Amino acid sequence: MKYLLALLFIPFSIFYFNSQLDQVVMLTAIAIVGLVYFSDTNIRHICILLFVTHLLGFSFFHFELFALSDESIQVWKNNRIYLIHFLTDVVMFLLIATRPILSRNWLTRKGKETKEVLMTNADMALMTVFLLFICIDLLAMAENLIRNLEYLGVNEEFAKQFWGWDWVFYNYSSIKSILLGLELAAVLSITTKMARQNFTRRKAAA
């Protein structure tokens, strides 16, 4: 049922939701999973990191932080959007990749046991999704710059051959919605026993 909800999220995100509503749905799902499984250290810390990072990313766009002036050309406005997404996704990837270390350090400072802290399958699933996010963000930034080479000082006669490079530009929102659906599936999968297993131990056993 949880994976069906994640799959249904994708078409709704593409055709009915806007980017802010996408983030509200994601924040709500993360908060619910984190609260229901609060007693599990790994789940609690994963959800806290995801919630805080998503909230910061949401705030950048909702409150127009680091907004460019109206006189700025579109190429830089587009790159601002892609760069914020890229930095947010990189931060989320790094936080999840180092989450066991961060969890152990936090618990040690609190004088609590750390033996339950481990790199779970859910961590690896989320890291994979964030890598895909990062790849799309980089493609979008690169395409945007290549399509607008004349604004970077390149001769217009040479630059105009790339004006038709707009596939990522026109499909960026849909691709991000699909990946956000995969992230939602990964978040919901945290509730399964397999997702909470030690990834390293399971790999070694295989």
Protein backbone atom coordinates (compact mmCIF):
# COMPACT_ATOMS: atom_id res chain seq x y z
CA MET A 1 0.00 0.00 0.00
CA LYS A 2 2.80 2.42 0.91
CA TYR A 3 4.50 1.91 -2.47
CA LEU A 4 1.18 2.46 -4.27
CA LEU A 5 0.89 5.82 -2.50
CA ALA A 6 4.40 6.72 -3.68
CA LEU A 7 3.53 5.73 -7.26
CA LEU A 8 0.29 7.73 -7.15
CA PHE A 9 2.25 10.73 -5.91
CA ILE A 10 4.20 10.92 -9.19
CA PRO A 11 1.29 11.65 -11.62
CA PHE A 12 -0.37 13.95 -9.08
CA SER A 13 2.93 15.80 -8.68
CA ILE A 14 3.37 16.16 -12.45
CA PHE A 15 -0.17 17.14 -13.42
CA TYR A 16 -1.83 18.64 -10.33
CA PHE A 17 0.66 19.64 -7.62
CA ASN A 18 3.10 22.52 -7.66
CA SER A 19 6.64 22.36 -6.28
CA GLN A 20 5.59 23.79 -2.91
CA LEU A 21 2.80 21.24 -2.47
CA ASP A 22 5.27 18.49 -3.39
CA GLN A 23 7.48 19.59 -0.52
CA VAL A 24 4.55 19.81 1.90
CA VAL A 25 3.59 16.21 1.07
CA MET A 26 7.20 15.08 1.50
CA LEU A 27 7.64 16.95 4.79
CA THR A 28 4.39 15.48 6.11
CA ALA A 29 5.41 11.92 5.17
CA ILE A 30 8.85 12.33 6.76
CA ALA A 31 7.34 13.78 9.94
CA ILE A 32 4.77 10.97 10.26
CA VAL A 33 7.33 8.20 9.72
CA GLY A 34 9.74 9.88 12.13
CA LEU A 35 7.11 10.22 14.85
CA VAL A 36 5.67 6.71 14.47
CA TYR A 37 9.14 5.11 14.60
CA PHE A 38 10.69 7.64 16.97
CA SER A 39 12.03 4.90 19.24
CA ASP A 40 14.26 3.60 16.43
CA THR A 41 17.46 5.66 16.51
CA ASN A 42 18.32 5.14 12.84
CA ILE A 43 14.86 6.07 11.57
CA ARG A 44 14.61 9.04 13.91
CA HIS A 45 17.91 10.52 12.78
CA ILE A 46 17.26 9.83 9.08
CA CYS A 47 13.91 11.60 9.30
CA ILE A 48 15.31 14.55 11.25
CA LEU A 49 18.06 15.12 8.67
CA LEU A 50 15.63 14.79 5.75
CA PHE A 51 13.03 17.04 7.36
CA VAL A 52 15.47 19.84 8.19
CA THR A 53 17.11 19.77 4.75
CA HIS A 54 13.80 19.68 2.87
CA LEU A 55 12.52 22.53 5.04
CA LEU A 56 15.58 24.63 4.22
CA GLY A 57 15.20 23.90 0.50
CA PHE A 58 11.51 24.80 0.68
CA SER A 59 12.37 28.06 2.48
CA PHE A 60 14.84 29.13 -0.23
CA PHE A 61 12.08 29.18 -2.84
CA HIS A 62 9.09 30.14 -0.68
CA PHE A 63 10.81 33.20 0.77
CA GLU A 64 12.77 33.98 -2.44
CA LEU A 65 16.12 33.83 -0.66
CA PHE A 66 19.10 34.88 -2.79
CA ALA A 67 16.68 36.10 -5.45
CA LEU A 68 18.13 37.88 -8.47
CA SER A 69 16.94 41.28 -9.65
CA ASP A 70 14.19 41.54 -12.25
CA GLU A 71 16.78 42.91 -14.69
CA SER A 72 18.84 39.69 -14.53
CA ILE A 73 18.80 37.63 -17.70
CA GLN A 74 16.90 34.35 -17.67
CA VAL A 75 19.98 32.15 -17.91
CA TRP A 76 21.10 33.27 -14.43
CA LYS A 77 17.59 33.01 -13.00
CA ASN A 78 17.39 29.43 -14.25
CA ASN A 79 20.82 28.60 -12.91
CA ARG A 80 19.90 30.00 -9.50
CA ILE A 81 17.03 27.48 -9.35
CA TYR A 82 19.20 24.59 -10.51
CA LEU A 83 22.04 25.57 -8.16
CA ILE A 84 19.77 25.67 -5.10
CA HIS A 85 18.39 22.24 -5.99
CA PHE A 86 21.91 20.94 -6.61
CA LEU A 87 23.32 22.20 -3.31
CA THR A 88 20.30 20.91 -1.38
CA ASP A 89 20.62 17.47 -2.97
CA VAL A 90 24.38 17.34 -2.34
CA VAL A 91 23.84 18.28 1.31
CA MET A 92 21.17 15.58 1.69
CA PHE A 93 23.42 12.98 0.08
CA LEU A 94 26.35 13.86 2.34
CA LEU A 95 24.20 13.94 5.47
CA ILE A 96 22.71 10.51 4.76
CA ALA A 97 26.12 9.10 3.73
CA THR A 98 27.63 10.22 7.04
CA ARG A 99 24.47 9.71 9.09
CA PRO A 100 25.79 6.72 11.10
CA ILE A 101 28.87 8.75 12.09
CA LEU A 102 26.74 11.76 12.98
CA SER A 103 24.35 9.56 14.97
CA ARG A 104 27.17 7.92 16.93
CA ASN A 105 28.80 11.26 17.71
CA TRP A 106 25.49 12.71 18.88
CA LEU A 107 24.65 9.74 21.09
CA THR A 108 28.18 9.62 22.52
CA ARG A 109 27.91 13.27 23.53
CA LYS A 110 24.63 12.43 25.26
CA GLY A 111 26.25 9.47 27.03
CA LYS A 112 23.99 6.93 25.29
CA GLU A 113 24.67 3.55 23.67
CA THR A 114 25.63 3.56 20.00
CA LYS A 115 25.51 -0.16 19.20
CA GLU A 116 22.11 0.17 17.48
CA VAL A 117 23.42 2.77 15.01
CA LEU A 118 24.14 1.27 11.59
CA MET A 119 24.08 2.01 7.87
CA THR A 120 20.69 0.69 6.84
CA ASN A 121 19.30 -0.34 3.47
CA ALA A 122 17.08 2.74 3.72
CA ASP A 123 20.19 4.94 3.92
CA MET A 124 21.55 3.35 0.75
CA ALA A 125 18.23 3.69 -1.08
CA LEU A 126 18.04 7.38 -0.20
CA MET A 127 21.66 7.96 -1.23
CA THR A 128 20.93 6.38 -4.62
CA VAL A 129 17.93 8.66 -5.14
CA PHE A 130 19.94 11.74 -4.16
CA LEU A 131 22.68 10.77 -6.62
CA LEU A 132 20.03 10.73 -9.36
CA PHE A 133 18.81 14.15 -8.19
CA ILE A 134 22.38 15.48 -8.37
CA CYS A 135 22.89 14.10 -11.90
CA ILE A 136 19.70 15.77 -13.16
CA ASP A 137 20.63 19.07 -11.50
CA LEU A 138 24.06 19.01 -13.15
CA LEU A 139 22.54 18.17 -16.54
CA ALA A 140 20.05 21.02 -16.17
CA MET A 141 22.78 23.53 -15.26
CA ALA A 142 25.05 22.37 -18.08
CA GLU A 143 22.25 22.44 -20.66
CA ASN A 144 21.15 25.89 -19.51
CA LEU A 145 24.65 27.31 -19.92
CA ILE A 146 25.26 25.59 -23.28
CA ARG A 147 21.91 26.83 -24.61
CA ASN A 148 22.86 30.39 -23.65
CA LEU A 149 26.51 30.51 -24.66
CA GLU A 150 26.08 33.93 -26.26
CA TYR A 151 25.57 35.39 -22.77
CA LEU A 152 28.90 33.86 -21.73
CA GLY A 153 30.85 35.72 -24.38
CA VAL A 154 30.70 33.05 -27.10
CA ASN A 155 30.09 34.15 -30.69
CA GLU A 156 26.36 34.07 -31.43
CA GLU A 157 26.86 32.33 -34.77
CA PHE A 158 28.49 29.44 -32.92
CA ALA A 159 26.12 29.58 -29.95
CA LYS A 160 22.88 29.43 -31.91
CA GLN A 161 23.46 25.80 -32.92
CA PHE A 162 22.74 24.92 -29.29
CA TRP A 163 19.55 26.97 -28.89
CA GLY A 164 17.49 23.83 -29.38
CA TRP A 165 19.08 22.07 -26.42
CA ASP A 166 16.07 22.26 -24.13
CA TRP A 167 15.00 18.67 -23.36
CA VAL A 168 16.03 18.79 -19.70
CA PHE A 169 14.64 22.32 -19.37
CA TYR A 170 11.15 21.30 -20.48
CA ASN A 171 11.17 18.00 -18.59
CA TYR A 172 12.99 19.08 -15.44
CA SER A 173 9.87 19.39 -13.28
CA SER A 174 8.52 16.01 -14.42
CA ILE A 175 11.86 14.28 -13.84
CA LYS A 176 12.16 15.83 -10.39
CA SER A 177 8.60 14.71 -9.59
CA ILE A 178 9.47 11.12 -10.55
CA LEU A 179 12.60 11.21 -8.39
CA LEU A 180 10.66 12.80 -5.54
CA GLY A 181 8.23 9.88 -5.81
CA LEU A 182 11.18 7.50 -5.52
CA GLU A 183 12.39 9.40 -2.47
CA LEU A 184 8.91 9.14 -0.96
CA ALA A 185 8.96 5.39 -1.63
CA ALA A 186 12.37 5.17 0.07
CA VAL A 187 11.06 7.12 3.07
CA LEU A 188 7.96 4.93 3.34
CA SER A 189 10.11 1.81 2.96
CA ILE A 190 11.82 2.72 6.23
CA THR A 191 8.80 1.17 7.93
CA THR A 192 9.75 -2.29 6.58
CA LYS A 193 12.07 -4.65 8.42
CA MET A 194 14.33 -5.13 5.39
CA ALA A 195 14.95 -1.39 5.02
CA ARG A 196 16.05 -1.16 8.64
CA GLN A 197 18.61 -3.97 8.31
CA ASN A 198 22.35 -3.35 8.30
CA PHE A 199 23.37 -2.80 4.67
CA THR A 200 27.02 -3.82 5.21
CA ARG A 201 26.15 -7.04 7.02
CA ARG A 202 23.57 -8.03 4.42
CA LYS A 203 26.03 -7.37 1.58
CA ALA A 204 28.75 -9.40 3.31
CA ALA A 205 26.37 -12.31 3.83
CA ALA A 206 25.54 -12.30 0.11
